[in-house]
Amino acid sequence: MKKVALTACPKTEQRAALDALTSELISIKDMVKLAGRRALARFEPTPEFKPVPVVPRMSSAHRYTTTKLVPAQVLAKLHGAVNPLGLKSDTEMLRGQYEPLFWAELDAIIAELQARKG
C-alpha cells in the first residue's frame, strides 16, 4: 500500500450555486470539504486509467486535498500503461478517477442544501 495525495477543485459551473448557498453558517470551503470526504469514502482506485477531464475549475483556493492508501499493484499498472517515461505522479494517475466522484458529491450537496432552503 502506498499513500497517495488526491486533489479536486470545484468546476466553475458549480460556482453560482455554491455562492447562492453560502451563509454565515455554511461556507464554500465547508461544502467542498464535505464533498471531498464523501467522494473519498466511495473512491476505490482501479488500474484503468481515466484522463483528467478538461473543464474550467475554480481557483486552487477552493481545492480539496486528502490522502488515500492505494495498492501498489494498482499504481504500478497505471504507470506501466500510461507513464512510460515515469514523469507523472501517483496523484496524476488517480485524479481522473477521483475528481468526477468529487464533482458528483458536490452536486448532491448543492441539491440537498437547495432543497432545505426551499
PDB file of N, CA and C in Angstrom:
ATOM      1  N   MET A   1       0.847  -1.181   0.000  1.00  0.00           N
ATOM      2  CA  MET A   1       0.000   0.000   0.000  1.00  0.00           C
ATOM      3  C   MET A   1       0.894   1.247   0.000  1.00  0.00           C
ATOM      4  N   LYS A   2       0.418   2.242  -0.722  1.00  0.00           N
ATOM      5  CA  LYS A   2       1.159   3.489  -0.816  1.00  0.00           C
ATOM      6  C   LYS A   2       0.192   4.643  -0.576  1.00  0.00           C
ATOM      7  N   LYS A   3       0.610   5.610   0.223  1.00  0.00           N
ATOM      8  CA  LYS A   3      -0.220   6.784   0.487  1.00  0.00           C
ATOM      9  C   LYS A   3      -0.098   7.742  -0.690  1.00  0.00           C
ATOM     10  N   VAL A   4      -1.250   8.106  -1.255  1.00  0.00           N
ATOM     11  CA  VAL A   4      -1.290   8.982  -2.425  1.00  0.00           C
ATOM     12  C   VAL A   4      -2.139  10.207  -2.101  1.00  0.00           C
ATOM     13  N   ALA A   5      -1.627  11.359  -2.467  1.00  0.00           N
ATOM     14  CA  ALA A   5      -2.391  12.600  -2.314  1.00  0.00           C
ATOM     15  C   ALA A   5      -3.440  12.678  -3.414  1.00  0.00           C
ATOM     16  N   LEU A   6      -4.627  13.079  -3.058  1.00  0.00           N
ATOM     17  CA  LEU A   6      -5.719  13.270  -4.018  1.00  0.00           C
ATOM     18  C   LEU A   6      -6.165  14.721  -3.926  1.00  0.00           C
ATOM     19  N   THR A   7      -6.391  15.329  -5.065  1.00  0.00           N
ATOM     20  CA  THR A   7      -6.874  16.704  -5.093  1.00  0.00           C
ATOM     21  C   THR A   7      -8.057  16.829  -6.035  1.00  0.00           C
ATOM     22  N   ALA A   8      -8.896  17.799  -5.741  1.00  0.00           N
ATOM     23  CA  ALA A   8     -10.043  18.089  -6.597  1.00  0.00           C
ATOM     24  C   ALA A   8     -10.435  19.542  -6.391  1.00  0.00           C
ATOM     25  N   CYS A   9     -10.840  20.175  -7.476  1.00  0.00           N
ATOM     26  CA  CYS A   9     -11.340  21.551  -7.422  1.00  0.00           C
ATOM     27  C   CYS A   9     -12.754  21.580  -7.980  1.00  0.00           C
ATOM     28  N   PRO A  10     -13.630  22.367  -7.366  1.00  0.00           N
ATOM     29  CA  PRO A  10     -14.969  22.503  -7.943  1.00  0.00           C
ATOM     30  C   PRO A  10     -14.882  23.068  -9.362  1.00  0.00           C
ATOM     31  N   LYS A  11     -15.856  22.707 -10.173  1.00  0.00           N
ATOM     32  CA  LYS A  11     -15.938  23.266 -11.521  1.00  0.00           C
ATOM     33  C   LYS A  11     -16.475  24.695 -11.436  1.00  0.00           C
ATOM     34  N   THR A  12     -16.060  25.523 -12.373  1.00  0.00           N
ATOM     35  CA  THR A  12     -16.551  26.908 -12.365  1.00  0.00           C
ATOM     36  C   THR A  12     -18.064  26.947 -12.549  1.00  0.00           C
ATOM     37  N   GLU A  13     -18.630  25.967 -13.218  1.00  0.00           N
ATOM     38  CA  GLU A  13     -20.085  25.948 -13.406  1.00  0.00           C
ATOM     39  C   GLU A  13     -20.829  25.695 -12.092  1.00  0.00           C
ATOM     40  N   GLN A  14     -20.138  25.220 -11.073  1.00  0.00           N
ATOM     41  CA  GLN A  14     -20.754  25.000  -9.767  1.00  0.00           C
ATOM     42  C   GLN A  14     -20.691  26.266  -8.893  1.00  0.00           C
ATOM     43  N   ARG A  15     -19.926  27.238  -9.313  1.00  0.00           N
ATOM     44  CA  ARG A  15     -19.672  28.435  -8.509  1.00  0.00           C
ATOM     45  C   ARG A  15     -20.936  29.197  -8.135  1.00  0.00           C
ATOM     46  N   ALA A  16     -21.809  29.445  -9.083  1.00  0.00           N
ATOM     47  CA  ALA A  16     -23.010  30.234  -8.807  1.00  0.00           C
ATOM     48  C   ALA A  16     -23.876  29.569  -7.734  1.00  0.00           C
ATOM     49  N   ALA A  17     -24.047  28.266  -7.842  1.00  0.00           N
ATOM     50  CA  ALA A  17     -24.855  27.549  -6.848  1.00  0.00           C
ATOM     51  C   ALA A  17     -24.181  27.577  -5.479  1.00  0.00           C
ATOM     52  N   LEU A  18     -22.864  27.408  -5.458  1.00  0.00           N
ATOM     53  CA  LEU A  18     -22.141  27.460  -4.185  1.00  0.00           C
ATOM     54  C   LEU A  18     -22.260  28.841  -3.546  1.00  0.00           C
ATOM     55  N   ASP A  19     -22.099  29.878  -4.360  1.00  0.00           N
ATOM     56  CA  ASP A  19     -22.239  31.246  -3.848  1.00  0.00           C
ATOM     57  C   ASP A  19     -23.640  31.488  -3.282  1.00  0.00           C
ATOM     58  N   ALA A  20     -24.654  30.998  -3.984  1.00  0.00           N
ATOM     59  CA  ALA A  20     -26.040  31.202  -3.557  1.00  0.00           C
ATOM     60  C   ALA A  20     -26.334  30.505  -2.228  1.00  0.00           C
ATOM     61  N   LEU A  21     -25.622  29.435  -1.943  1.00  0.00           N
ATOM     62  CA  LEU A  21     -25.860  28.669  -0.717  1.00  0.00           C
ATOM     63  C   LEU A  21     -24.979  29.097   0.453  1.00  0.00           C
ATOM     64  N   THR A  22     -24.026  29.957   0.174  1.00  0.00           N
ATOM     65  CA  THR A  22     -23.120  30.416   1.220  1.00  0.00           C
ATOM     66  C   THR A  22     -23.882  31.291   2.217  1.00  0.00           C
ATOM     67  N   SER A  23     -23.601  31.058   3.498  1.00  0.00           N
ATOM     68  CA  SER A  23     -24.246  31.832   4.557  1.00  0.00           C
ATOM     69  C   SER A  23     -23.247  32.002   5.697  1.00  0.00           C
ATOM     70  N   GLU A  24     -23.727  32.589   6.788  1.00  0.00           N
ATOM     71  CA  GLU A  24     -22.865  32.727   7.963  1.00  0.00           C
ATOM     72  C   GLU A  24     -22.500  31.357   8.527  1.00  0.00           C
ATOM     73  N   LEU A  25     -23.353  30.372   8.302  1.00  0.00           N
ATOM     74  CA  LEU A  25     -23.138  29.036   8.862  1.00  0.00           C
ATOM     75  C   LEU A  25     -22.460  28.063   7.906  1.00  0.00           C
ATOM     76  N   ILE A  26     -22.598  28.313   6.615  1.00  0.00           N
ATOM     77  CA  ILE A  26     -22.055  27.378   5.617  1.00  0.00           C
ATOM     78  C   ILE A  26     -21.207  28.142   4.615  1.00  0.00           C
ATOM     79  N   SER A  27     -19.947  27.723   4.503  1.00  0.00           N
ATOM     80  CA  SER A  27     -19.041  28.357   3.543  1.00  0.00           C
ATOM     81  C   SER A  27     -18.804  27.416   2.360  1.00  0.00           C
ATOM     82  N   ILE A  28     -18.272  27.973   1.295  1.00  0.00           N
ATOM     83  CA  ILE A  28     -17.902  27.140   0.151  1.00  0.00           C
ATOM     84  C   ILE A  28     -16.887  26.094   0.600  1.00  0.00           C
ATOM     85  N   LYS A  29     -15.969  26.507   1.444  1.00  0.00           N
ATOM     86  CA  LYS A  29     -14.945  25.582   1.936  1.00  0.00           C
ATOM     87  C   LYS A  29     -15.580  24.386   2.660  1.00  0.00           C
ATOM     88  N   ASP A  30     -16.631  24.637   3.440  1.00  0.00           N
ATOM     89  CA  ASP A  30     -17.326  23.549   4.137  1.00  0.00           C
ATOM     90  C   ASP A  30     -17.985  22.580   3.153  1.00  0.00           C
ATOM     91  N   MET A  31     -18.632  23.137   2.131  1.00  0.00           N
ATOM     92  CA  MET A  31     -19.299  22.281   1.140  1.00  0.00           C
ATOM     93  C   MET A  31     -18.275  21.458   0.375  1.00  0.00           C
ATOM     94  N   VAL A  32     -17.142  22.071   0.039  1.00  0.00           N
ATOM     95  CA  VAL A  32     -16.068  21.373  -0.672  1.00  0.00           C
ATOM     96  C   VAL A  32     -15.496  20.255   0.208  1.00  0.00           C
ATOM     97  N   LYS A  33     -15.291  20.558   1.472  1.00  0.00           N
ATOM     98  CA  LYS A  33     -14.742  19.560   2.397  1.00  0.00           C
ATOM     99  C   LYS A  33     -15.689  18.355   2.528  1.00  0.00           C
ATOM    100  N   LEU A  34     -16.970  18.617   2.672  1.00  0.00           N
ATOM    101  CA  LEU A  34     -17.938  17.530   2.788  1.00  0.00           C
ATOM    102  C   LEU A  34     -17.970  16.692   1.513  1.00  0.00           C
ATOM    103  N   ALA A  35     -17.944  17.343   0.359  1.00  0.00           N
ATOM    104  CA  ALA A  35     -17.928  16.616  -0.919  1.00  0.00           C
ATOM    105  C   ALA A  35     -16.673  15.757  -1.031  1.00  0.00           C
ATOM    106  N   GLY A  36     -15.547  16.314  -0.626  1.00  0.00           N
ATOM    107  CA  GLY A  36     -14.300  15.557  -0.673  1.00  0.00           C
ATOM    108  C   GLY A  36     -14.329  14.330   0.214  1.00  0.00           C
ATOM    109  N   ARG A  37     -14.866  14.479   1.410  1.00  0.00           N
ATOM    110  CA  ARG A  37     -14.956  13.346   2.338  1.00  0.00           C
ATOM    111  C   ARG A  37     -15.896  12.267   1.812  1.00  0.00           C
ATOM    112  N   ARG A  38     -17.041  12.698   1.279  1.00  0.00           N
ATOM    113  CA  ARG A  38     -17.983  11.715   0.724  1.00  0.00           C
ATOM    114  C   ARG A  38     -17.374  10.991  -0.477  1.00  0.00           C
ATOM    115  N   ALA A  39     -16.697  11.746  -1.340  1.00  0.00           N
ATOM    116  CA  ALA A  39     -16.064  11.133  -2.513  1.00  0.00           C
ATOM    117  C   ALA A  39     -14.973  10.160  -2.086  1.00  0.00           C
ATOM    118  N   LEU A  40     -14.195  10.523  -1.094  1.00  0.00           N
ATOM    119  CA  LEU A  40     -13.137   9.642  -0.611  1.00  0.00           C
ATOM    120  C   LEU A  40     -13.714   8.336  -0.071  1.00  0.00           C
ATOM    121  N   ALA A  41     -14.832   8.411   0.627  1.00  0.00           N
ATOM    122  CA  ALA A  41     -15.469   7.210   1.166  1.00  0.00           C
ATOM    123  C   ALA A  41     -15.921   6.262   0.052  1.00  0.00           C
ATOM    124  N   ARG A  42     -16.283   6.802  -1.096  1.00  0.00           N
ATOM    125  CA  ARG A  42     -16.752   5.981  -2.236  1.00  0.00           C
ATOM    126  C   ARG A  42     -15.627   5.556  -3.171  1.00  0.00           C
ATOM    127  N   PHE A  43     -14.484   6.210  -3.081  1.00  0.00           N
ATOM    128  CA  PHE A  43     -13.422   6.025  -4.066  1.00  0.00           C
ATOM    129  C   PHE A  43     -12.681   4.707  -3.887  1.00  0.00           C
ATOM    130  N   GLU A  44     -12.737   3.893  -4.928  1.00  0.00           N
ATOM    131  CA  GLU A  44     -11.991   2.634  -4.996  1.00  0.00           C
ATOM    132  C   GLU A  44     -11.113   2.689  -6.243  1.00  0.00           C
ATOM    133  N   PRO A  45      -9.837   2.996  -6.092  1.00  0.00           N
ATOM    134  CA  PRO A  45      -8.951   3.117  -7.256  1.00  0.00           C
ATOM    135  C   PRO A  45      -8.876   1.815  -8.054  1.00  0.00           C
ATOM    136  N   THR A  46      -8.835   1.963  -9.366  1.00  0.00           N
ATOM    137  CA  THR A  46      -8.708   0.810 -10.250  1.00  0.00           C
ATOM    138  C   THR A  46      -7.479   1.004 -11.136  1.00  0.00           C
ATOM    139  N   PRO A  47      -6.985  -0.087 -11.728  1.00  0.00           N
ATOM    140  CA  PRO A  47      -5.833   0.042 -12.622  1.00  0.00           C
ATOM    141  C   PRO A  47      -6.196   0.566 -14.014  1.00  0.00           C
ATOM    142  N   GLU A  48      -7.453   0.953 -14.215  1.00  0.00           N
ATOM    143  CA  GLU A  48      -7.890   1.513 -15.502  1.00  0.00           C
ATOM    144  C   GLU A  48      -7.696   3.027 -15.473  1.00  0.00           C
ATOM    145  N   PHE A  49      -6.809   3.514 -16.333  1.00  0.00           N
ATOM    146  CA  PHE A  49      -6.518   4.947 -16.361  1.00  0.00           C
ATOM    147  C   PHE A  49      -7.682   5.725 -16.943  1.00  0.00           C
ATOM    148  N   LYS A  50      -8.033   6.813 -16.263  1.00  0.00           N
ATOM    149  CA  LYS A  50      -9.036   7.749 -16.769  1.00  0.00           C
ATOM    150  C   LYS A  50      -8.363   9.111 -16.803  1.00  0.00           C
ATOM    151  N   PRO A  51      -8.310   9.740 -17.972  1.00  0.00           N
ATOM    152  CA  PRO A  51      -7.662  11.058 -18.047  1.00  0.00           C
ATOM    153  C   PRO A  51      -8.432  12.093 -17.228  1.00  0.00           C
ATOM    154  N   VAL A  52      -7.703  13.078 -16.780  1.00  0.00           N
ATOM    155  CA  VAL A  52      -8.316  14.173 -16.033  1.00  0.00           C
ATOM    156  C   VAL A  52      -9.207  14.951 -16.993  1.00  0.00           C
ATOM    157  N   PRO A  53     -10.492  15.105 -16.663  1.00  0.00           N
ATOM    158  CA  PRO A  53     -11.386  15.858 -17.548  1.00  0.00           C
ATOM    159  C   PRO A  53     -10.910  17.299 -17.715  1.00  0.00           C
ATOM    160  N   VAL A  54     -11.025  17.784 -18.915  1.00  0.00           N
ATOM    161  CA  VAL A  54     -10.642  19.159 -19.210  1.00  0.00           C
ATOM    162  C   VAL A  54     -11.889  20.028 -19.061  1.00  0.00           C
ATOM    163  N   VAL A  55     -12.007  20.651 -17.905  1.00  0.00           N
ATOM    164  CA  VAL A  55     -13.126  21.548 -17.625  1.00  0.00           C
ATOM    165  C   VAL A  55     -12.586  22.747 -16.845  1.00  0.00           C
ATOM    166  N   PRO A  56     -13.226  23.891 -16.983  1.00  0.00           N
ATOM    167  CA  PRO A  56     -12.808  25.039 -16.172  1.00  0.00           C
ATOM    168  C   PRO A  56     -13.081  24.760 -14.693  1.00  0.00           C
ATOM    169  N   ARG A  57     -12.092  25.055 -13.867  1.00  0.00           N
ATOM    170  CA  ARG A  57     -12.201  24.815 -12.436  1.00  0.00           C
ATOM    171  C   ARG A  57     -12.092  26.127 -11.668  1.00  0.00           C
ATOM    172  N   MET A  58     -12.662  26.121 -10.475  1.00  0.00           N
ATOM    173  CA  MET A  58     -12.492  27.266  -9.579  1.00  0.00           C
ATOM    174  C   MET A  58     -11.036  27.326  -9.143  1.00  0.00           C
ATOM    175  N   SER A  59     -10.641  28.413  -8.544  1.00  0.00           N
ATOM    176  CA  SER A  59      -9.244  28.592  -8.148  1.00  0.00           C
ATOM    177  C   SER A  59      -8.817  27.539  -7.129  1.00  0.00           C
ATOM    178  N   SER A  60      -7.526  27.378  -7.016  1.00  0.00           N
ATOM    179  CA  SER A  60      -6.990  26.389  -6.086  1.00  0.00           C
ATOM    180  C   SER A  60      -7.273  26.765  -4.630  1.00  0.00           C
ATOM    181  N   ALA A  61      -7.731  27.969  -4.392  1.00  0.00           N
ATOM    182  CA  ALA A  61      -8.128  28.360  -3.036  1.00  0.00           C
ATOM    183  C   ALA A  61      -9.293  27.502  -2.539  1.00  0.00           C
ATOM    184  N   HIS A  62     -10.047  26.924  -3.468  1.00  0.00           N
ATOM    185  CA  HIS A  62     -11.199  26.081  -3.127  1.00  0.00           C
ATOM    186  C   HIS A  62     -10.890  24.592  -3.295  1.00  0.00           C
ATOM    187  N   ARG A  63      -9.638  24.262  -3.464  1.00  0.00           N
ATOM    188  CA  ARG A  63      -9.222  22.876  -3.700  1.00  0.00           C
ATOM    189  C   ARG A  63      -9.403  22.029  -2.435  1.00  0.00           C
ATOM    190  N   TYR A  64      -9.789  20.771  -2.651  1.00  0.00           N
ATOM    191  CA  TYR A  64      -9.845  19.795  -1.565  1.00  0.00           C
ATOM    192  C   TYR A  64      -8.657  18.860  -1.753  1.00  0.00           C
ATOM    193  N   THR A  65      -7.932  18.625  -0.680  1.00  0.00           N
ATOM    194  CA  THR A  65      -6.775  17.736  -0.723  1.00  0.00           C
ATOM    195  C   THR A  65      -6.877  16.740   0.412  1.00  0.00           C
ATOM    196  N   THR A  66      -6.591  15.485   0.102  1.00  0.00           N
ATOM    197  CA  THR A  66      -6.610  14.424   1.098  1.00  0.00           C
ATOM    198  C   THR A  66      -5.608  13.359   0.674  1.00  0.00           C
ATOM    199  N   THR A  67      -5.565  12.267   1.399  1.00  0.00           N
ATOM    200  CA  THR A  67      -4.715  11.139   1.017  1.00  0.00           C
ATOM    201  C   THR A  67      -5.509   9.854   1.119  1.00  0.00           C
ATOM    202  N   LYS A  68      -5.034   8.854   0.396  1.00  0.00           N
ATOM    203  CA  LYS A  68      -5.660   7.531   0.437  1.00  0.00           C
ATOM    204  C   LYS A  68      -4.568   6.488   0.259  1.00  0.00           C
ATOM    205  N   LEU A  69      -4.704   5.399   0.988  1.00  0.00           N
ATOM    206  CA  LEU A  69      -3.802   4.269   0.788  1.00  0.00           C
ATOM    207  C   LEU A  69      -4.281   3.491  -0.426  1.00  0.00           C
ATOM    208  N   VAL A  70      -3.391   3.298  -1.384  1.00  0.00           N
ATOM    209  CA  VAL A  70      -3.724   2.651  -2.654  1.00  0.00           C
ATOM    210  C   VAL A  70      -2.791   1.452  -2.825  1.00  0.00           C
ATOM    211  N   PRO A  71      -3.337   0.315  -3.271  1.00  0.00           N
ATOM    212  CA  PRO A  71      -2.472  -0.839  -3.512  1.00  0.00           C
ATOM    213  C   PRO A  71      -1.367  -0.502  -4.525  1.00  0.00           C
ATOM    214  N   ALA A  72      -0.151  -0.881  -4.205  1.00  0.00           N
ATOM    215  CA  ALA A  72       0.988  -0.596  -5.081  1.00  0.00           C
ATOM    216  C   ALA A  72       0.800  -1.212  -6.461  1.00  0.00           C
ATOM    217  N   GLN A  73       0.123  -2.365  -6.533  1.00  0.00           N
ATOM    218  CA  GLN A  73      -0.103  -3.019  -7.829  1.00  0.00           C
ATOM    219  C   GLN A  73      -0.970  -2.161  -8.743  1.00  0.00           C
ATOM    220  N   VAL A  74      -1.959  -1.491  -8.168  1.00  0.00           N
ATOM    221  CA  VAL A  74      -2.832  -0.611  -8.957  1.00  0.00           C
ATOM    222  C   VAL A  74      -2.002   0.519  -9.550  1.00  0.00           C
ATOM    223  N   LEU A  75      -1.178   1.134  -8.721  1.00  0.00           N
ATOM    224  CA  LEU A  75      -0.341   2.229  -9.199  1.00  0.00           C
ATOM    225  C   LEU A  75       0.658   1.746 -10.248  1.00  0.00           C
ATOM    226  N   ALA A  76       1.237   0.584 -10.040  1.00  0.00           N
ATOM    227  CA  ALA A  76       2.206   0.039 -10.996  1.00  0.00           C
ATOM    228  C   ALA A  76       1.553  -0.188 -12.357  1.00  0.00           C
ATOM    229  N   LYS A  77       0.330  -0.714 -12.367  1.00  0.00           N
ATOM    230  CA  LYS A  77      -0.374  -0.948 -13.637  1.00  0.00           C
ATOM    231  C   LYS A  77      -0.708   0.373 -14.332  1.00  0.00           C
ATOM    232  N   LEU A  78      -1.143   1.346 -13.564  1.00  0.00           N
ATOM    233  CA  LEU A  78      -1.451   2.655 -14.148  1.00  0.00           C
ATOM    234  C   LEU A  78      -0.204   3.282 -14.764  1.00  0.00           C
ATOM    235  N   HIS A  79       0.879   3.301 -14.009  1.00  0.00           N
ATOM    236  CA  HIS A  79       2.116   3.893 -14.519  1.00  0.00           C
ATOM    237  C   HIS A  79       2.625   3.117 -15.727  1.00  0.00           C
ATOM    238  N   GLY A  80       2.543   1.802 -15.677  1.00  0.00           N
ATOM    239  CA  GLY A  80       3.011   0.980 -16.795  1.00  0.00           C
ATOM    240  C   GLY A  80       2.227   1.216 -18.069  1.00  0.00           C
ATOM    241  N   ALA A  81       0.941   1.531 -17.921  1.00  0.00           N
ATOM    242  CA  ALA A  81       0.079   1.708 -19.085  1.00  0.00           C
ATOM    243  C   ALA A  81       0.204   3.093 -19.722  1.00  0.00           C
ATOM    244  N   VAL A  82       0.374   4.139 -18.913  1.00  0.00           N
ATOM    245  CA  VAL A  82       0.289   5.491 -19.472  1.00  0.00           C
ATOM    246  C   VAL A  82       1.419   6.426 -19.057  1.00  0.00           C
ATOM    247  N   ASN A  83       2.434   5.912 -18.413  1.00  0.00           N
ATOM    248  CA  ASN A  83       3.513   6.768 -17.929  1.00  0.00           C
ATOM    249  C   ASN A  83       4.870   6.145 -18.263  1.00  0.00           C
ATOM    250  N   PRO A  84       5.153   5.917 -19.547  1.00  0.00           N
ATOM    251  CA  PRO A  84       6.373   5.202 -19.917  1.00  0.00           C
ATOM    252  C   PRO A  84       7.668   5.914 -19.523  1.00  0.00           C
ATOM    253  N   LEU A  85       7.636   7.215 -19.402  1.00  0.00           N
ATOM    254  CA  LEU A  85       8.845   7.948 -19.026  1.00  0.00           C
ATOM    255  C   LEU A  85       8.960   8.156 -17.514  1.00  0.00           C
ATOM    256  N   GLY A  86       7.932   7.766 -16.783  1.00  0.00           N
ATOM    257  CA  GLY A  86       7.963   7.890 -15.334  1.00  0.00           C
ATOM    258  C   GLY A  86       7.916   9.321 -14.829  1.00  0.00           C
ATOM    259  N   LEU A  87       7.322  10.219 -15.599  1.00  0.00           N
ATOM    260  CA  LEU A  87       7.288  11.631 -15.226  1.00  0.00           C
ATOM    261  C   LEU A  87       6.042  12.035 -14.432  1.00  0.00           C
ATOM    262  N   LYS A  88       4.990  11.237 -14.525  1.00  0.00           N
ATOM    263  CA  LYS A  88       3.726  11.603 -13.878  1.00  0.00           C
ATOM    264  C   LYS A  88       3.669  11.056 -12.455  1.00  0.00           C
ATOM    265  N   SER A  89       3.022  11.802 -11.590  1.00  0.00           N
ATOM    266  CA  SER A  89       2.901  11.408 -10.191  1.00  0.00           C
ATOM    267  C   SER A  89       1.757  10.420  -9.993  1.00  0.00           C
ATOM    268  N   ASP A  90       1.756   9.797  -8.830  1.00  0.00           N
ATOM    269  CA  ASP A  90       0.643   8.916  -8.463  1.00  0.00           C
ATOM    270  C   ASP A  90      -0.661   9.715  -8.429  1.00  0.00           C
ATOM    271  N   THR A  91      -0.571  10.951  -7.965  1.00  0.00           N
ATOM    272  CA  THR A  91      -1.746  11.826  -7.915  1.00  0.00           C
ATOM    273  C   THR A  91      -2.346  12.007  -9.304  1.00  0.00           C
ATOM    274  N   GLU A  92      -1.503  12.249 -10.299  1.00  0.00           N
ATOM    275  CA  GLU A  92      -1.976  12.413 -11.681  1.00  0.00           C
ATOM    276  C   GLU A  92      -2.624  11.138 -12.211  1.00  0.00           C
ATOM    277  N   MET A  93      -2.108  10.001 -11.781  1.00  0.00           N
ATOM    278  CA  MET A  93      -2.645   8.723 -12.246  1.00  0.00           C
ATOM    279  C   MET A  93      -4.066   8.489 -11.739  1.00  0.00           C
ATOM    280  N   LEU A  94      -4.410   9.079 -10.590  1.00  0.00           N
ATOM    281  CA  LEU A  94      -5.712   8.816  -9.968  1.00  0.00           C
ATOM    282  C   LEU A  94      -6.707   9.969 -10.053  1.00  0.00           C
ATOM    283  N   ARG A  95      -6.252  11.156 -10.425  1.00  0.00           N
ATOM    284  CA  ARG A  95      -7.142  12.323 -10.406  1.00  0.00           C
ATOM    285  C   ARG A  95      -8.355  12.142 -11.321  1.00  0.00           C
ATOM    286  N   GLY A  96      -8.167  11.530 -12.475  1.00  0.00           N
ATOM    287  CA  GLY A  96      -9.277  11.319 -13.401  1.00  0.00           C
ATOM    288  C   GLY A  96     -10.334  10.365 -12.866  1.00  0.00           C
ATOM    289  N   GLN A  97      -9.969   9.548 -11.904  1.00  0.00           N
ATOM    290  CA  GLN A  97     -10.939   8.661 -11.255  1.00  0.00           C
ATOM    291  C   GLN A  97     -11.623   9.359 -10.074  1.00  0.00           C
ATOM    292  N   TYR A  98     -10.844  10.144  -9.321  1.00  0.00           N
ATOM    293  CA  TYR A  98     -11.362  10.748  -8.093  1.00  0.00           C
ATOM    294  C   TYR A  98     -12.179  12.024  -8.335  1.00  0.00           C
ATOM    295  N   GLU A  99     -11.694  12.900  -9.181  1.00  0.00           N
ATOM    296  CA  GLU A  99     -12.334  14.211  -9.323  1.00  0.00           C
ATOM    297  C   GLU A  99     -13.794  14.122  -9.792  1.00  0.00           C
ATOM    298  N   PRO A 100     -14.149  13.255 -10.750  1.00  0.00           N
ATOM    299  CA  PRO A 100     -15.571  13.159 -11.119  1.00  0.00           C
ATOM    300  C   PRO A 100     -16.474  12.718  -9.954  1.00  0.00           C
ATOM    301  N   LEU A 101     -15.969  11.856  -9.075  1.00  0.00           N
ATOM    302  CA  LEU A 101     -16.734  11.493  -7.873  1.00  0.00           C
ATOM    303  C   LEU A 101     -16.940  12.706  -6.980  1.00  0.00           C
ATOM    304  N   PHE A 102     -15.880  13.482  -6.833  1.00  0.00           N
ATOM    305  CA  PHE A 102     -15.947  14.710  -6.039  1.00  0.00           C
ATOM    306  C   PHE A 102     -17.018  15.653  -6.602  1.00  0.00           C
ATOM    307  N   TRP A 103     -17.006  15.853  -7.909  1.00  0.00           N
ATOM    308  CA  TRP A 103     -17.998  16.745  -8.526  1.00  0.00           C
ATOM    309  C   TRP A 103     -19.419  16.229  -8.311  1.00  0.00           C
ATOM    310  N   ALA A 104     -19.607  14.928  -8.445  1.00  0.00           N
ATOM    311  CA  ALA A 104     -20.943  14.350  -8.240  1.00  0.00           C
ATOM    312  C   ALA A 104     -21.395  14.566  -6.797  1.00  0.00           C
ATOM    313  N   GLU A 105     -20.497  14.383  -5.857  1.00  0.00           N
ATOM    314  CA  GLU A 105     -20.852  14.598  -4.452  1.00  0.00           C
ATOM    315  C   GLU A 105     -21.140  16.075  -4.184  1.00  0.00           C
ATOM    316  N   LEU A 106     -20.381  16.958  -4.788  1.00  0.00           N
ATOM    317  CA  LEU A 106     -20.629  18.388  -4.607  1.00  0.00           C
ATOM    318  C   LEU A 106     -21.986  18.768  -5.190  1.00  0.00           C
ATOM    319  N   ASP A 107     -22.330  18.214  -6.350  1.00  0.00           N
ATOM    320  CA  ASP A 107     -23.660  18.461  -6.935  1.00  0.00           C
ATOM    321  C   ASP A 107     -24.761  17.956  -6.006  1.00  0.00           C
ATOM    322  N   ALA A 108     -24.544  16.793  -5.383  1.00  0.00           N
ATOM    323  CA  ALA A 108     -25.536  16.238  -4.460  1.00  0.00           C
ATOM    324  C   ALA A 108     -25.704  17.135  -3.238  1.00  0.00           C
ATOM    325  N   ILE A 109     -24.608  17.666  -2.727  1.00  0.00           N
ATOM    326  CA  ILE A 109     -24.663  18.567  -1.574  1.00  0.00           C
ATOM    327  C   ILE A 109     -25.395  19.856  -1.947  1.00  0.00           C
ATOM    328  N   ILE A 110     -25.105  20.365  -3.127  1.00  0.00           N
ATOM    329  CA  ILE A 110     -25.799  21.570  -3.602  1.00  0.00           C
ATOM    330  C   ILE A 110     -27.305  21.301  -3.655  1.00  0.00           C
ATOM    331  N   ALA A 111     -27.694  20.164  -4.210  1.00  0.00           N
ATOM    332  CA  ALA A 111     -29.117  19.814  -4.309  1.00  0.00           C
ATOM    333  C   ALA A 111     -29.751  19.666  -2.922  1.00  0.00           C
ATOM    334  N   GLU A 112     -29.038  19.026  -1.997  1.00  0.00           N
ATOM    335  CA  GLU A 112     -29.548  18.865  -0.627  1.00  0.00           C
ATOM    336  C   GLU A 112     -29.777  20.218   0.039  1.00  0.00           C
ATOM    337  N   LEU A 113     -28.817  21.109  -0.089  1.00  0.00           N
ATOM    338  CA  LEU A 113     -28.930  22.415   0.550  1.00  0.00           C
ATOM    339  C   LEU A 113     -29.990  23.288  -0.126  1.00  0.00           C
ATOM    340  N   GLN A 114     -30.131  23.169  -1.429  1.00  0.00           N
ATOM    341  CA  GLN A 114     -31.186  23.909  -2.125  1.00  0.00           C
ATOM    342  C   GLN A 114     -32.554  23.436  -1.683  1.00  0.00           C
ATOM    343  N   ALA A 115     -32.702  22.115  -1.480  1.00  0.00           N
ATOM    344  CA  ALA A 115     -33.974  21.565  -1.031  1.00  0.00           C
ATOM    345  C   ALA A 115     -34.314  22.056   0.390  1.00  0.00           C
ATOM    346  N   ARG A 116     -33.311  22.158   1.243  1.00  0.00           N
ATOM    347  CA  ARG A 116     -33.525  22.653   2.612  1.00  0.00           C
ATOM    348  C   ARG A 116     -33.918  24.127   2.613  1.00  0.00           C
ATOM    349  N   LYS A 117     -33.293  24.850   1.698  1.00  0.00           N
ATOM    350  CA  LYS A 117     -33.546  26.296   1.613  1.00  0.00           C
ATOM    351  C   LYS A 117     -34.958  26.573   1.105  1.00  0.00           C
ATOM    352  N   GLY A 118     -35.433  25.621   0.281  1.00  0.00           N
ATOM    353  CA  GLY A 118     -36.785  25.684  -0.222  1.00  0.00           C
ATOM    354  C   GLY A 118     -37.028  26.753  -1.156  1.00  0.00           C
TER     355      GLY A 118
END
